[in-house]
Amino acid sequence: MKSVEIRVLEATKNLLVKHGYKGTTTRRIAENAGVNEVTLFRKYKSKDGLLGAALIDVEANALASFESVFDTNKDTYLDTSLRTMGLNLIRFARDEQDLMILQFAEGLRMRSVADSLSSVPQRILTHLTEYFEEQIRRGKIRQVEPKIAALVFMSYVSYGHIAQLLLGDDFIEDHEESLDDFLDVFTGGILEPDGFGRDINAPETHK
């Protein structure tokens, strides 16, 4: 049987995801956890104290499974390592969906929530930036701003997942299967190799 603390933190997290900060009352938390409301205040002192503890628990669980995301050999072919890393990030986003929802929904409204959950996206961006810096040093990709490359890569994972949650399969039928299409755009760009994106029927411009 789960301890009182685990039941309380799980109930708080689930209510936060479903109802947001304002809709998550101590009465609701107590009812969902199967405890007396007085028990919550005895341990956590206030609603903010309880919500803060729940956010710490959400972040700790995410960080516990984080390192495996970037467990990829940098010496493998670039497309292979990018695909492995992309799949790991997509699965991480799916498994840590509650974290993402809280970051987007509540983090934009409450700075304290954003600050509490900031270490996970910061670590992802740091790892991605270091990865692209290493690939540039090895000459596997051209000279680009590694932070921008990291942000673009992470944006596909995070916003692609959110888009699938909001829009369903009409937008992205299968996030993992669409990764190859993303990598094609990410590594190859969108311009035709010989046309540089210029309309061949457009008049010449002279500087």
N, C-alpha and C. Protein backbone atom coordinates (compact mmCIF):
# COMPACT_ATOMS: atom_id res chain seq x y z
N MET A 1 0.84 -1.20 0.00
CA MET A 1 0.00 0.00 0.00
C MET A 1 0.88 1.26 0.00
N LYS A 2 0.48 2.22 -0.80
CA LYS A 2 1.27 3.45 -0.91
C LYS A 2 1.19 4.26 0.38
N SER A 3 2.29 4.93 0.71
CA SER A 3 2.33 5.76 1.90
C SER A 3 1.45 6.99 1.71
N VAL A 4 1.13 7.65 2.80
CA VAL A 4 0.31 8.86 2.75
C VAL A 4 0.99 9.93 1.90
N GLU A 5 2.30 10.07 2.07
CA GLU A 5 3.03 11.11 1.33
C GLU A 5 2.95 10.87 -0.18
N ILE A 6 3.15 9.61 -0.60
CA ILE A 6 3.09 9.31 -2.03
C ILE A 6 1.69 9.55 -2.58
N ARG A 7 0.66 9.15 -1.84
CA ARG A 7 -0.72 9.36 -2.29
C ARG A 7 -1.04 10.84 -2.40
N VAL A 8 -0.55 11.62 -1.47
CA VAL A 8 -0.81 13.07 -1.48
C VAL A 8 -0.11 13.73 -2.67
N LEU A 9 1.16 13.39 -2.89
CA LEU A 9 1.91 14.00 -3.99
C LEU A 9 1.33 13.59 -5.34
N GLU A 10 0.94 12.33 -5.49
CA GLU A 10 0.34 11.88 -6.74
C GLU A 10 -1.00 12.55 -6.99
N ALA A 11 -1.80 12.68 -5.95
CA ALA A 11 -3.09 13.36 -6.10
C ALA A 11 -2.89 14.82 -6.48
N THR A 12 -1.92 15.47 -5.86
CA THR A 12 -1.64 16.88 -6.16
C THR A 12 -1.19 17.05 -7.60
N LYS A 13 -0.28 16.19 -8.03
CA LYS A 13 0.23 16.27 -9.41
C LYS A 13 -0.91 16.04 -10.41
N ASN A 14 -1.72 15.02 -10.20
CA ASN A 14 -2.80 14.72 -11.13
C ASN A 14 -3.82 15.86 -11.20
N LEU A 15 -4.13 16.46 -10.07
CA LEU A 15 -5.07 17.58 -10.05
C LEU A 15 -4.49 18.82 -10.72
N LEU A 16 -3.20 19.05 -10.52
CA LEU A 16 -2.54 20.19 -11.17
C LEU A 16 -2.61 20.06 -12.68
N VAL A 17 -2.35 18.87 -13.19
CA VAL A 17 -2.39 18.64 -14.63
C VAL A 17 -3.80 18.83 -15.17
N LYS A 18 -4.80 18.36 -14.45
CA LYS A 18 -6.18 18.42 -14.93
C LYS A 18 -6.83 19.77 -14.71
N HIS A 19 -6.56 20.40 -13.57
CA HIS A 19 -7.32 21.59 -13.17
C HIS A 19 -6.49 22.85 -13.00
N GLY A 20 -5.16 22.74 -13.08
CA GLY A 20 -4.32 23.91 -12.89
C GLY A 20 -4.20 24.31 -11.43
N TYR A 21 -3.43 25.36 -11.20
CA TYR A 21 -3.15 25.79 -9.82
C TYR A 21 -4.43 26.24 -9.10
N LYS A 22 -5.20 27.09 -9.76
CA LYS A 22 -6.39 27.62 -9.10
C LYS A 22 -7.43 26.55 -8.81
N GLY A 23 -7.54 25.58 -9.72
CA GLY A 23 -8.54 24.53 -9.54
C GLY A 23 -8.11 23.42 -8.62
N THR A 24 -6.85 23.44 -8.20
CA THR A 24 -6.35 22.41 -7.29
C THR A 24 -6.44 22.92 -5.86
N THR A 25 -7.49 22.51 -5.17
CA THR A 25 -7.71 22.94 -3.79
C THR A 25 -7.23 21.87 -2.83
N THR A 26 -6.94 22.27 -1.61
CA THR A 26 -6.51 21.29 -0.60
C THR A 26 -7.62 20.29 -0.31
N ARG A 27 -8.87 20.73 -0.41
CA ARG A 27 -9.99 19.81 -0.18
C ARG A 27 -9.99 18.71 -1.25
N ARG A 28 -9.80 19.11 -2.51
CA ARG A 28 -9.75 18.12 -3.59
C ARG A 28 -8.58 17.16 -3.42
N ILE A 29 -7.44 17.74 -3.03
CA ILE A 29 -6.25 16.90 -2.84
C ILE A 29 -6.51 15.86 -1.75
N ALA A 30 -7.06 16.29 -0.64
CA ALA A 30 -7.33 15.40 0.48
C ALA A 30 -8.31 14.29 0.07
N GLU A 31 -9.35 14.67 -0.67
CA GLU A 31 -10.34 13.68 -1.11
C GLU A 31 -9.71 12.65 -2.04
N ASN A 32 -8.90 13.12 -2.98
CA ASN A 32 -8.28 12.21 -3.95
C ASN A 32 -7.21 11.32 -3.31
N ALA A 33 -6.55 11.83 -2.28
CA ALA A 33 -5.51 11.07 -1.60
C ALA A 33 -6.07 10.17 -0.51
N GLY A 34 -7.33 10.40 -0.13
CA GLY A 34 -7.95 9.61 0.92
C GLY A 34 -7.42 9.94 2.30
N VAL A 35 -7.16 11.23 2.54
CA VAL A 35 -6.67 11.67 3.85
C VAL A 35 -7.50 12.86 4.33
N ASN A 36 -7.29 13.21 5.58
CA ASN A 36 -7.95 14.37 6.14
C ASN A 36 -7.22 15.64 5.71
N GLU A 37 -7.97 16.69 5.45
CA GLU A 37 -7.35 17.95 5.01
C GLU A 37 -6.37 18.49 6.05
N VAL A 38 -6.67 18.24 7.32
CA VAL A 38 -5.78 18.69 8.39
C VAL A 38 -4.39 18.07 8.25
N THR A 39 -4.34 16.84 7.76
CA THR A 39 -3.06 16.14 7.57
C THR A 39 -2.17 16.90 6.59
N LEU A 40 -2.79 17.47 5.56
CA LEU A 40 -2.01 18.22 4.57
C LEU A 40 -1.34 19.43 5.20
N PHE A 41 -2.11 20.18 5.97
CA PHE A 41 -1.57 21.41 6.58
C PHE A 41 -0.56 21.09 7.67
N ARG A 42 -0.73 19.94 8.33
CA ARG A 42 0.21 19.56 9.37
C ARG A 42 1.60 19.30 8.77
N LYS A 43 1.63 18.70 7.58
CA LYS A 43 2.91 18.34 6.97
C LYS A 43 3.46 19.43 6.07
N TYR A 44 2.57 20.07 5.29
CA TYR A 44 3.04 21.01 4.26
C TYR A 44 2.76 22.48 4.59
N LYS A 45 2.08 22.74 5.67
CA LYS A 45 1.83 24.09 6.20
C LYS A 45 0.84 24.91 5.38
N SER A 46 0.93 24.84 4.04
CA SER A 46 0.07 25.66 3.19
C SER A 46 -0.13 24.98 1.84
N LYS A 47 -1.06 25.51 1.06
CA LYS A 47 -1.28 24.99 -0.29
C LYS A 47 -0.02 25.17 -1.13
N ASP A 48 0.61 26.33 -1.04
CA ASP A 48 1.83 26.58 -1.81
C ASP A 48 2.94 25.59 -1.43
N GLY A 49 3.04 25.28 -0.14
CA GLY A 49 4.04 24.32 0.30
C GLY A 49 3.79 22.95 -0.28
N LEU A 50 2.53 22.56 -0.35
CA LEU A 50 2.16 21.25 -0.91
C LEU A 50 2.42 21.21 -2.41
N LEU A 51 2.02 22.26 -3.11
CA LEU A 51 2.23 22.30 -4.56
C LEU A 51 3.72 22.33 -4.89
N GLY A 52 4.48 23.04 -4.08
CA GLY A 52 5.93 23.08 -4.28
C GLY A 52 6.55 21.70 -4.13
N ALA A 53 6.09 20.95 -3.14
CA ALA A 53 6.60 19.59 -2.93
C ALA A 53 6.23 18.69 -4.10
N ALA A 54 5.03 18.87 -4.65
CA ALA A 54 4.59 18.07 -5.79
C ALA A 54 5.44 18.37 -7.02
N LEU A 55 5.76 19.65 -7.24
CA LEU A 55 6.58 20.03 -8.39
C LEU A 55 7.99 19.48 -8.27
N ILE A 56 8.54 19.50 -7.05
CA ILE A 56 9.86 18.92 -6.82
C ILE A 56 9.85 17.43 -7.14
N ASP A 57 8.77 16.75 -6.77
CA ASP A 57 8.64 15.32 -7.04
C ASP A 57 8.55 15.05 -8.54
N VAL A 58 7.79 15.88 -9.26
CA VAL A 58 7.66 15.72 -10.71
C VAL A 58 9.03 15.88 -11.37
N GLU A 59 9.76 16.90 -10.98
CA GLU A 59 11.07 17.16 -11.58
C GLU A 59 12.07 16.06 -11.23
N ALA A 60 12.03 15.59 -9.98
CA ALA A 60 12.97 14.54 -9.55
C ALA A 60 12.75 13.26 -10.34
N ASN A 61 11.49 12.91 -10.59
CA ASN A 61 11.19 11.71 -11.36
C ASN A 61 11.69 11.84 -12.79
N ALA A 62 11.54 13.04 -13.36
CA ALA A 62 12.01 13.27 -14.73
C ALA A 62 13.53 13.17 -14.80
N LEU A 63 14.21 13.78 -13.85
CA LEU A 63 15.68 13.77 -13.85
C LEU A 63 16.24 12.36 -13.65
N ALA A 64 15.48 11.52 -12.92
CA ALA A 64 15.94 10.16 -12.66
C ALA A 64 16.07 9.35 -13.95
N SER A 65 15.24 9.66 -14.93
CA SER A 65 15.27 8.90 -16.19
C SER A 65 15.93 9.70 -17.32
N PHE A 66 16.56 10.82 -16.96
CA PHE A 66 17.04 11.75 -17.97
C PHE A 66 18.32 11.27 -18.67
N GLU A 67 19.27 10.75 -17.92
CA GLU A 67 20.60 10.46 -18.47
C GLU A 67 20.54 9.47 -19.63
N SER A 68 19.58 8.53 -19.59
CA SER A 68 19.50 7.53 -20.65
C SER A 68 19.12 8.14 -21.99
N VAL A 69 18.55 9.36 -21.96
CA VAL A 69 18.13 10.01 -23.20
C VAL A 69 19.33 10.28 -24.10
N PHE A 70 20.45 10.66 -23.50
CA PHE A 70 21.64 11.03 -24.28
C PHE A 70 22.72 9.96 -24.24
N ASP A 71 22.30 8.74 -23.95
CA ASP A 71 23.23 7.61 -23.94
C ASP A 71 23.41 7.11 -25.36
N THR A 72 24.09 7.91 -26.18
CA THR A 72 24.32 7.56 -27.58
C THR A 72 25.79 7.77 -27.92
N ASN A 73 26.31 6.93 -28.76
CA ASN A 73 27.72 6.98 -29.14
C ASN A 73 27.96 8.08 -30.17
N LYS A 74 28.77 9.06 -29.81
CA LYS A 74 29.04 10.18 -30.72
C LYS A 74 29.88 9.76 -31.93
N ASP A 75 30.46 8.57 -31.87
CA ASP A 75 31.29 8.11 -32.98
C ASP A 75 30.48 7.42 -34.07
N THR A 76 29.20 7.17 -33.83
CA THR A 76 28.37 6.54 -34.85
C THR A 76 28.07 7.55 -35.95
N TYR A 77 27.48 7.06 -37.05
CA TYR A 77 27.11 7.96 -38.13
C TYR A 77 26.17 9.03 -37.60
N LEU A 78 26.27 10.22 -38.16
CA LEU A 78 25.49 11.36 -37.68
C LEU A 78 24.00 11.08 -37.74
N ASP A 79 23.51 10.54 -38.86
CA ASP A 79 22.07 10.31 -38.97
C ASP A 79 21.59 9.27 -37.96
N THR A 80 22.46 8.30 -37.65
CA THR A 80 22.10 7.27 -36.67
C THR A 80 22.02 7.86 -35.26
N SER A 81 23.01 8.65 -34.89
CA SER A 81 23.00 9.23 -33.54
C SER A 81 21.88 10.24 -33.37
N LEU A 82 21.58 11.02 -34.44
CA LEU A 82 20.48 11.97 -34.37
C LEU A 82 19.15 11.25 -34.21
N ARG A 83 18.98 10.17 -34.93
CA ARG A 83 17.73 9.42 -34.85
C ARG A 83 17.56 8.78 -33.47
N THR A 84 18.63 8.20 -32.96
CA THR A 84 18.57 7.58 -31.63
C THR A 84 18.24 8.61 -30.57
N MET A 85 18.91 9.75 -30.63
CA MET A 85 18.67 10.82 -29.67
C MET A 85 17.25 11.37 -29.80
N GLY A 86 16.78 11.52 -31.04
CA GLY A 86 15.42 12.01 -31.26
C GLY A 86 14.37 11.07 -30.71
N LEU A 87 14.54 9.77 -30.96
CA LEU A 87 13.59 8.78 -30.44
C LEU A 87 13.60 8.77 -28.91
N ASN A 88 14.79 8.86 -28.33
CA ASN A 88 14.88 8.89 -26.86
C ASN A 88 14.17 10.11 -26.29
N LEU A 89 14.33 11.26 -26.94
CA LEU A 89 13.67 12.48 -26.46
C LEU A 89 12.16 12.41 -26.62
N ILE A 90 11.69 11.85 -27.73
CA ILE A 90 10.25 11.70 -27.95
C ILE A 90 9.64 10.80 -26.88
N ARG A 91 10.32 9.71 -26.59
CA ARG A 91 9.82 8.78 -25.56
C ARG A 91 9.90 9.40 -24.17
N PHE A 92 10.94 10.19 -23.94
CA PHE A 92 11.05 10.90 -22.66
C PHE A 92 9.90 11.89 -22.50
N ALA A 93 9.59 12.63 -23.58
CA ALA A 93 8.49 13.60 -23.54
C ALA A 93 7.17 12.89 -23.30
N ARG A 94 6.99 11.74 -23.90
CA ARG A 94 5.75 10.97 -23.70
C ARG A 94 5.65 10.46 -22.26
N ASP A 95 6.75 9.92 -21.74
CA ASP A 95 6.74 9.38 -20.38
C ASP A 95 6.60 10.48 -19.33
N GLU A 96 7.16 11.66 -19.62
CA GLU A 96 7.11 12.78 -18.68
C GLU A 96 6.10 13.83 -19.16
N GLN A 97 4.99 13.36 -19.67
CA GLN A 97 3.96 14.25 -20.22
C GLN A 97 3.44 15.24 -19.19
N ASP A 98 3.28 14.80 -17.96
CA ASP A 98 2.79 15.69 -16.90
C ASP A 98 3.71 16.88 -16.71
N LEU A 99 5.02 16.62 -16.77
CA LEU A 99 6.00 17.70 -16.63
C LEU A 99 5.82 18.73 -17.73
N MET A 100 5.64 18.26 -18.96
CA MET A 100 5.49 19.17 -20.09
C MET A 100 4.21 19.99 -19.99
N ILE A 101 3.12 19.34 -19.60
CA ILE A 101 1.85 20.05 -19.47
C ILE A 101 1.95 21.15 -18.42
N LEU A 102 2.58 20.82 -17.29
CA LEU A 102 2.73 21.82 -16.23
C LEU A 102 3.63 22.96 -16.68
N GLN A 103 4.68 22.65 -17.43
CA GLN A 103 5.57 23.70 -17.92
C GLN A 103 4.84 24.66 -18.84
N PHE A 104 4.08 24.12 -19.78
CA PHE A 104 3.39 24.95 -20.76
C PHE A 104 2.18 25.65 -20.16
N ALA A 105 1.35 24.91 -19.44
CA ALA A 105 0.08 25.46 -18.95
C ALA A 105 0.26 26.37 -17.75
N GLU A 106 1.00 25.90 -16.75
CA GLU A 106 1.13 26.67 -15.51
C GLU A 106 2.40 27.52 -15.48
N GLY A 107 3.45 27.04 -16.14
CA GLY A 107 4.71 27.78 -16.13
C GLY A 107 4.59 29.15 -16.77
N LEU A 108 3.73 29.27 -17.79
CA LEU A 108 3.54 30.56 -18.45
C LEU A 108 2.76 31.53 -17.57
N ARG A 109 1.95 30.99 -16.67
CA ARG A 109 1.14 31.85 -15.80
C ARG A 109 1.82 32.16 -14.48
N MET A 110 2.63 31.22 -14.01
CA MET A 110 3.24 31.37 -12.69
C MET A 110 4.75 31.17 -12.79
N ARG A 111 5.48 32.21 -12.51
CA ARG A 111 6.94 32.16 -12.59
C ARG A 111 7.51 31.11 -11.65
N SER A 112 6.90 30.92 -10.49
CA SER A 112 7.41 29.96 -9.51
C SER A 112 7.36 28.54 -10.06
N VAL A 113 6.33 28.24 -10.84
CA VAL A 113 6.23 26.91 -11.46
C VAL A 113 7.31 26.74 -12.51
N ALA A 114 7.49 27.76 -13.36
CA ALA A 114 8.52 27.71 -14.39
C ALA A 114 9.90 27.51 -13.77
N ASP A 115 10.17 28.23 -12.69
CA ASP A 115 11.47 28.12 -12.02
C ASP A 115 11.67 26.72 -11.43
N SER A 116 10.60 26.15 -10.86
CA SER A 116 10.69 24.84 -10.22
C SER A 116 10.99 23.74 -11.21
N LEU A 117 10.53 23.90 -12.45
CA LEU A 117 10.66 22.84 -13.45
C LEU A 117 11.69 23.17 -14.53
N SER A 118 12.47 24.21 -14.32
CA SER A 118 13.35 24.70 -15.39
C SER A 118 14.58 23.84 -15.63
N SER A 119 15.01 23.07 -14.64
CA SER A 119 16.28 22.35 -14.79
C SER A 119 16.22 21.28 -15.88
N VAL A 120 15.04 20.69 -16.11
CA VAL A 120 14.95 19.63 -17.12
C VAL A 120 15.16 20.18 -18.53
N PRO A 121 14.37 21.19 -18.98
CA PRO A 121 14.63 21.72 -20.32
C PRO A 121 16.02 22.35 -20.46
N GLN A 122 16.53 22.94 -19.37
CA GLN A 122 17.87 23.51 -19.43
C GLN A 122 18.92 22.43 -19.66
N ARG A 123 18.75 21.29 -19.01
CA ARG A 123 19.70 20.19 -19.19
C ARG A 123 19.62 19.63 -20.60
N ILE A 124 18.41 19.51 -21.12
CA ILE A 124 18.24 19.00 -22.48
C ILE A 124 18.95 19.92 -23.47
N LEU A 125 18.72 21.22 -23.35
CA LEU A 125 19.35 22.17 -24.26
C LEU A 125 20.87 22.16 -24.12
N THR A 126 21.36 22.03 -22.90
CA THR A 126 22.81 21.98 -22.66
C THR A 126 23.42 20.75 -23.33
N HIS A 127 22.80 19.59 -23.14
CA HIS A 127 23.30 18.35 -23.74
C HIS A 127 23.27 18.44 -25.27
N LEU A 128 22.17 18.96 -25.82
CA LEU A 128 22.06 19.08 -27.26
C LEU A 128 23.10 20.05 -27.82
N THR A 129 23.28 21.17 -27.13
CA THR A 129 24.28 22.16 -27.56
C THR A 129 25.67 21.55 -27.57
N GLU A 130 26.01 20.83 -26.53
CA GLU A 130 27.33 20.18 -26.47
C GLU A 130 27.48 19.13 -27.57
N TYR A 131 26.41 18.43 -27.86
CA TYR A 131 26.44 17.43 -28.93
C TYR A 131 26.75 18.08 -30.27
N PHE A 132 26.05 19.17 -30.58
CA PHE A 132 26.26 19.84 -31.87
C PHE A 132 27.63 20.52 -31.92
N GLU A 133 28.10 21.04 -30.81
CA GLU A 133 29.46 21.60 -30.77
C GLU A 133 30.48 20.53 -31.11
N GLU A 134 30.30 19.34 -30.56
CA GLU A 134 31.22 18.24 -30.82
C GLU A 134 31.18 17.82 -32.29
N GLN A 135 29.98 17.77 -32.86
CA GLN A 135 29.86 17.38 -34.27
C GLN A 135 30.48 18.43 -35.20
N ILE A 136 30.40 19.69 -34.81
CA ILE A 136 31.05 20.75 -35.60
C ILE A 136 32.57 20.59 -35.52
N ARG A 137 33.10 20.31 -34.33
CA ARG A 137 34.54 20.13 -34.17
C ARG A 137 35.04 18.94 -35.00
N ARG A 138 34.21 17.92 -35.12
CA ARG A 138 34.59 16.73 -35.88
C ARG A 138 34.39 16.91 -37.37
N GLY A 139 33.80 18.03 -37.76
CA GLY A 139 33.59 18.30 -39.17
C GLY A 139 32.42 17.54 -39.77
N LYS A 140 31.54 17.03 -38.94
CA LYS A 140 30.40 16.26 -39.44
C LYS A 140 29.25 17.16 -39.88
N ILE A 141 29.18 18.36 -39.32
CA ILE A 141 28.18 19.33 -39.77
C ILE A 141 28.88 20.68 -39.97
N ARG A 142 28.27 21.52 -40.77
CA ARG A 142 28.90 22.80 -41.07
C ARG A 142 28.83 23.73 -39.86
N GLN A 143 29.51 24.86 -39.96
CA GLN A 143 29.54 25.82 -38.87
C GLN A 143 28.16 26.50 -38.72
N VAL A 144 27.48 26.14 -37.68
CA VAL A 144 26.20 26.76 -37.35
C VAL A 144 26.25 27.14 -35.87
N GLU A 145 25.27 27.91 -35.44
CA GLU A 145 25.18 28.23 -34.02
C GLU A 145 24.61 27.01 -33.30
N PRO A 146 25.40 26.33 -32.48
CA PRO A 146 24.93 25.09 -31.85
C PRO A 146 23.73 25.28 -30.94
N LYS A 147 23.60 26.44 -30.30
CA LYS A 147 22.44 26.67 -29.44
C LYS A 147 21.14 26.73 -30.24
N ILE A 148 21.22 27.31 -31.44
CA ILE A 148 20.03 27.37 -32.31
C ILE A 148 19.68 25.97 -32.81
N ALA A 149 20.70 25.20 -33.19
CA ALA A 149 20.46 23.82 -33.63
C ALA A 149 19.81 23.03 -32.50
N ALA A 150 20.28 23.22 -31.27
CA ALA A 150 19.71 22.53 -30.12
C ALA A 150 18.26 22.93 -29.89
N LEU A 151 17.99 24.23 -30.02
CA LEU A 151 16.63 24.73 -29.81
C LEU A 151 15.67 24.19 -30.86
N VAL A 152 16.11 24.14 -32.12
CA VAL A 152 15.26 23.62 -33.19
C VAL A 152 14.96 22.14 -32.95
N PHE A 153 15.98 21.39 -32.59
CA PHE A 153 15.81 19.95 -32.36
C PHE A 153 14.84 19.71 -31.20
N MET A 154 15.04 20.44 -30.11
CA MET A 154 14.18 20.28 -28.95
C MET A 154 12.76 20.74 -29.25
N SER A 155 12.63 21.79 -30.06
CA SER A 155 11.30 22.32 -30.37
C SER A 155 10.46 21.29 -31.11
N TYR A 156 11.08 20.55 -32.03
CA TYR A 156 10.32 19.52 -32.74
C TYR A 156 9.77 18.49 -31.76
N VAL A 157 10.60 18.07 -30.81
CA VAL A 157 10.17 17.06 -29.85
C VAL A 157 9.05 17.58 -28.95
N SER A 158 9.28 18.74 -28.34
CA SER A 158 8.31 19.25 -27.37
C SER A 158 7.03 19.75 -28.02
N TYR A 159 7.15 20.60 -29.02
CA TYR A 159 5.96 21.15 -29.65
C TYR A 159 5.24 20.11 -30.51
N GLY A 160 6.01 19.17 -31.06
CA GLY A 160 5.37 18.08 -31.80
C GLY A 160 4.49 17.25 -30.89
N HIS A 161 4.97 17.00 -29.67
CA HIS A 161 4.19 16.22 -28.71
C HIS A 161 2.95 17.00 -28.26
N ILE A 162 3.13 18.28 -27.97
CA ILE A 162 2.00 19.10 -27.56
C ILE A 162 0.97 19.20 -28.68
N ALA A 163 1.43 19.36 -29.92
CA ALA A 163 0.52 19.44 -31.06
C ALA A 163 -0.29 18.16 -31.21
N GLN A 164 0.37 17.03 -30.96
CA GLN A 164 -0.35 15.76 -31.06
C GLN A 164 -1.39 15.64 -29.96
N LEU A 165 -1.08 16.15 -28.77
CA LEU A 165 -2.05 16.13 -27.68
C LEU A 165 -3.26 17.02 -27.99
N LEU A 166 -2.99 18.19 -28.57
CA LEU A 166 -4.07 19.16 -28.82
C LEU A 166 -4.86 18.84 -30.08
N LEU A 167 -4.18 18.40 -31.13
CA LEU A 167 -4.82 18.24 -32.44
C LEU A 167 -5.07 16.79 -32.82
N GLY A 168 -4.50 15.87 -32.05
CA GLY A 168 -4.71 14.46 -32.36
C GLY A 168 -3.91 14.02 -33.56
N ASP A 169 -4.32 12.91 -34.15
CA ASP A 169 -3.57 12.31 -35.26
C ASP A 169 -3.72 13.07 -36.57
N ASP A 170 -4.60 14.08 -36.60
CA ASP A 170 -4.75 14.85 -37.84
C ASP A 170 -3.48 15.63 -38.17
N PHE A 171 -2.72 15.97 -37.15
CA PHE A 171 -1.50 16.76 -37.36
C PHE A 171 -0.28 15.86 -37.47
N ILE A 172 -0.04 15.08 -36.45
CA ILE A 172 1.07 14.11 -36.47
C ILE A 172 0.49 12.76 -36.09
N GLU A 173 0.41 11.89 -37.06
CA GLU A 173 -0.21 10.58 -36.82
C GLU A 173 0.62 9.73 -35.87
N ASP A 174 1.93 9.75 -36.09
CA ASP A 174 2.84 9.00 -35.23
C ASP A 174 4.11 9.82 -35.06
N HIS A 175 4.33 10.31 -33.85
CA HIS A 175 5.46 11.21 -33.58
C HIS A 175 6.79 10.53 -33.89
N GLU A 176 6.92 9.26 -33.52
CA GLU A 176 8.18 8.56 -33.75
C GLU A 176 8.42 8.33 -35.24
N GLU A 177 7.37 7.95 -35.97
CA GLU A 177 7.53 7.70 -37.40
C GLU A 177 7.84 8.98 -38.17
N SER A 178 7.30 10.10 -37.70
CA SER A 178 7.53 11.37 -38.41
C SER A 178 8.92 11.93 -38.13
N LEU A 179 9.66 11.31 -37.21
CA LEU A 179 11.01 11.78 -36.88
C LEU A 179 11.90 11.78 -38.12
N ASP A 180 11.80 10.75 -38.95
CA ASP A 180 12.63 10.68 -40.15
C ASP A 180 12.36 11.85 -41.08
N ASP A 181 11.09 12.27 -41.19
CA ASP A 181 10.76 13.42 -42.03
C ASP A 181 11.37 14.69 -41.45
N PHE A 182 11.32 14.81 -40.12
CA PHE A 182 11.94 15.97 -39.48
C PHE A 182 13.44 15.99 -39.72
N LEU A 183 14.09 14.84 -39.55
CA LEU A 183 15.54 14.78 -39.73
C LEU A 183 15.93 15.10 -41.17
N ASP A 184 15.07 14.74 -42.12
CA ASP A 184 15.33 15.07 -43.51
C ASP A 184 15.37 16.59 -43.70
N VAL A 185 14.42 17.29 -43.07
CA VAL A 185 14.38 18.75 -43.15
C VAL A 185 15.52 19.35 -42.34
N PHE A 186 15.75 18.79 -41.15
CA PHE A 186 16.76 19.33 -40.24
C PHE A 186 18.17 19.24 -40.84
N THR A 187 18.49 18.11 -41.44
CA THR A 187 19.84 17.91 -41.97
C THR A 187 20.00 18.40 -43.40
N GLY A 188 18.91 18.40 -44.17
CA GLY A 188 19.01 18.77 -45.58
C GLY A 188 18.51 20.16 -45.91
N GLY A 189 17.76 20.77 -44.97
CA GLY A 189 17.21 22.08 -45.24
C GLY A 189 15.99 22.00 -46.15
N ILE A 190 15.43 23.14 -46.50
CA ILE A 190 14.22 23.18 -47.31
C ILE A 190 14.47 23.73 -48.71
N LEU A 191 15.67 24.23 -48.98
CA LEU A 191 15.96 24.81 -50.29
C LEU A 191 16.43 23.75 -51.27
N GLU A 192 16.04 23.92 -52.51
CA GLU A 192 16.57 23.04 -53.55
C GLU A 192 18.09 23.28 -53.66
N PRO A 193 18.87 22.23 -53.84
CA PRO A 193 20.33 22.40 -53.82
C PRO A 193 20.87 23.29 -54.92
N ASP A 194 20.15 23.39 -56.05
CA ASP A 194 20.66 24.21 -57.15
C ASP A 194 19.90 25.51 -57.35
N GLY A 195 18.80 25.67 -56.62
CA GLY A 195 17.98 26.86 -56.85
C GLY A 195 18.05 27.87 -55.74
N PHE A 196 18.56 27.47 -54.59
CA PHE A 196 18.68 28.35 -53.43
C PHE A 196 17.37 29.04 -53.09
N GLY A 197 16.25 28.36 -53.40
CA GLY A 197 14.95 28.89 -53.01
C GLY A 197 14.44 30.02 -53.87
N ARG A 198 15.16 30.35 -54.97
CA ARG A 198 14.74 31.48 -55.80
C ARG A 198 13.77 31.01 -56.86
N ASP A 199 12.69 31.76 -57.04
CA ASP A 199 11.72 31.48 -58.09
C ASP A 199 12.39 31.73 -59.44
N ILE A 200 12.47 30.69 -60.27
CA ILE A 200 13.19 30.84 -61.55
C ILE A 200 12.48 31.80 -62.48
N ASN A 201 11.19 32.07 -62.23
CA ASN A 201 10.45 33.01 -63.07
C ASN A 201 10.51 34.43 -62.56
N ALA A 202 11.11 34.60 -61.40
CA ALA A 202 11.19 35.94 -60.82
C ALA A 202 12.27 36.73 -61.53
N PRO A 203 12.07 38.05 -61.69
CA PRO A 203 13.09 38.87 -62.37
C PRO A 203 14.36 38.97 -61.54
N GLU A 204 15.48 39.12 -62.21
CA GLU A 204 16.75 39.28 -61.53
C GLU A 204 16.75 40.59 -60.75
N THR A 205 17.36 40.56 -59.58
CA THR A 205 17.49 41.80 -58.81
C THR A 205 18.97 42.17 -58.76
N HIS A 206 19.24 43.42 -58.86
CA HIS A 206 20.63 43.88 -58.86
C HIS A 206 20.83 44.86 -57.71
N LYS A 207 21.91 44.68 -57.01
CA LYS A 207 22.22 45.60 -55.91
C LYS A 207 23.02 46.78 -56.44
